[in-house]
Protein backbone atom coordinates (compact mmCIF):
# COMPACT_ATOMS: atom_id res chain seq x y z
CA MET A 1 -89.65 98.14 -70.21
CA GLU A 2 -87.72 95.50 -68.32
CA SER A 3 -84.32 96.41 -66.93
CA SER A 4 -81.68 93.85 -66.17
CA VAL A 5 -78.32 94.23 -64.51
CA VAL A 6 -75.56 92.07 -65.87
CA GLN A 7 -73.43 90.71 -63.08
CA THR A 8 -70.01 89.39 -63.86
CA LYS A 9 -69.25 86.01 -62.41
CA LYS A 10 -66.04 84.63 -61.06
CA ARG A 11 -65.33 80.93 -61.16
CA ILE A 12 -64.26 79.32 -57.91
CA SER A 13 -63.36 75.79 -57.04
CA LEU A 14 -64.25 73.98 -53.84
CA GLU A 15 -64.33 70.45 -52.58
CA LEU A 16 -67.41 69.00 -50.94
CA PRO A 17 -68.13 65.57 -49.53
CA GLU A 18 -69.73 63.32 -52.14
CA ILE A 19 -72.88 62.91 -50.06
CA ILE A 20 -73.41 66.70 -50.06
CA VAL A 21 -72.94 66.87 -53.84
CA ASP A 22 -75.48 64.04 -54.27
CA ARG A 23 -77.95 65.85 -52.04
CA LEU A 24 -77.40 69.13 -53.90
CA ASP A 25 -77.93 67.41 -57.26
CA SER A 26 -81.11 65.75 -56.05
CA LEU A 27 -82.51 69.02 -54.69
CA ALA A 28 -81.47 70.94 -57.81
CA ARG A 29 -83.37 68.46 -60.02
CA ARG A 30 -86.48 68.77 -57.85
CA MET A 31 -86.30 72.56 -57.99
CA ASN A 32 -85.43 72.60 -61.71
CA PHE A 33 -82.12 74.43 -61.10
CA SER A 34 -78.61 73.61 -62.08
CA ARG A 35 -76.29 72.63 -59.26
CA GLY A 36 -74.41 75.90 -59.72
CA GLU A 37 -77.58 78.00 -59.58
CA LEU A 38 -78.73 76.21 -56.43
CA ILE A 39 -75.38 76.79 -54.74
CA ARG A 40 -75.37 80.48 -55.82
CA ARG A 41 -78.84 80.95 -54.35
CA PHE A 42 -77.93 79.21 -51.09
CA ILE A 43 -74.78 81.28 -50.71
CA SER A 44 -76.57 84.54 -51.58
CA GLU A 45 -79.29 83.83 -49.02
CA LYS A 46 -76.79 82.93 -46.31
CA VAL A 47 -74.64 86.01 -46.99
CA ALA A 48 -77.72 88.28 -46.85
CA GLU A 49 -78.83 86.59 -43.61
CA LYS A 50 -75.38 87.09 -42.04
CA GLU A 51 -75.22 90.73 -43.15
CA GLY A 52 -78.66 91.29 -41.62
CA GLN A 53 -77.49 89.79 -38.33
CA GLU A 54 -74.41 92.01 -38.35
CA LEU A 55 -76.53 95.10 -39.04
CA GLU A 56 -78.89 94.17 -36.22
CA HIS A 57 -75.91 93.67 -33.88
CA SER A 58 -74.46 97.07 -34.87
CA MET A 59 -77.81 98.77 -34.32
CA LYS A 60 -78.14 97.14 -30.90
CA GLU A 61 -74.60 98.22 -29.96
CA GLY A 62 -75.36 101.77 -31.09
CA TYR A 63 -78.52 101.84 -29.02
CA LEU A 64 -76.72 100.52 -25.95
CA THR A 65 -73.84 102.96 -26.45
CA ASN A 66 -76.30 105.87 -26.68
CA TYR A 67 -78.72 104.57 -24.05
CA ASP A 68 -78.08 107.39 -21.56
CA PHE A 69 -78.63 110.06 -24.23
CA ILE A 70 -81.80 108.34 -25.47
CA ARG A 71 -83.14 107.97 -21.91
CA GLU A 72 -82.40 111.60 -21.05
CA SER A 73 -83.92 112.84 -24.31
CA SER A 74 -87.05 110.78 -23.72
CA ALA A 75 -87.40 112.19 -20.22
CA GLU A 76 -87.06 115.73 -21.57
CA TRP A 77 -89.70 115.11 -24.22
CA GLU A 78 -92.08 113.54 -21.71
CA SER A 79 -91.62 116.35 -19.20
CA GLY A 80 -92.47 119.01 -21.78
CA GLN A 81 -89.03 120.63 -21.79
CA VAL A 82 -89.07 120.67 -25.59
CA GLU A 83 -92.01 123.01 -26.09
CA ASN A 84 -89.91 125.98 -27.18
CA CYS A 85 -87.16 124.15 -29.05
CA GLU A 86 -88.33 125.38 -32.43
CA GLU A 87 -88.35 128.97 -31.22
CA LYS A 88 -84.83 128.51 -29.85
CA GLY A 89 -83.60 127.17 -33.21
CA THR A 90 -82.83 123.67 -32.01
CA ILE A 91 -84.36 120.24 -32.35
CA PHE A 92 -83.22 118.87 -29.00
CA PRO A 93 -83.23 120.50 -25.57
CA GLY A 94 -79.73 121.57 -24.65
CA TYR A 95 -78.50 121.20 -28.25
CA HIS A 96 -77.59 124.12 -30.45
CA GLU A 97 -76.42 124.05 -34.06
CA LYS A 98 -73.00 125.43 -33.13
CA ASP A 99 -72.56 122.59 -30.57
CA GLY A 100 -73.17 119.82 -33.12
């Protein structure tokens, strides 16, 4: 059974240089798309790309912000200080549920 999600569309108006419109029309014909469909696909791809870049930037910032904690945690894991964490009821050395 095929499922489809109906997306409502909103009409917008924009002005483009004639040369760009000609190039869009030419490409749309070659790809067997309407001009509108081609523009929708280009915009969707660019928006997804930008959102991915923003997510990557946020993840990098989070890593850099938490670098000291990550480094200290790694050192504790490597030195074997975490052997009894489960017995102590914690997942990280020095961390207890009531602290979190």
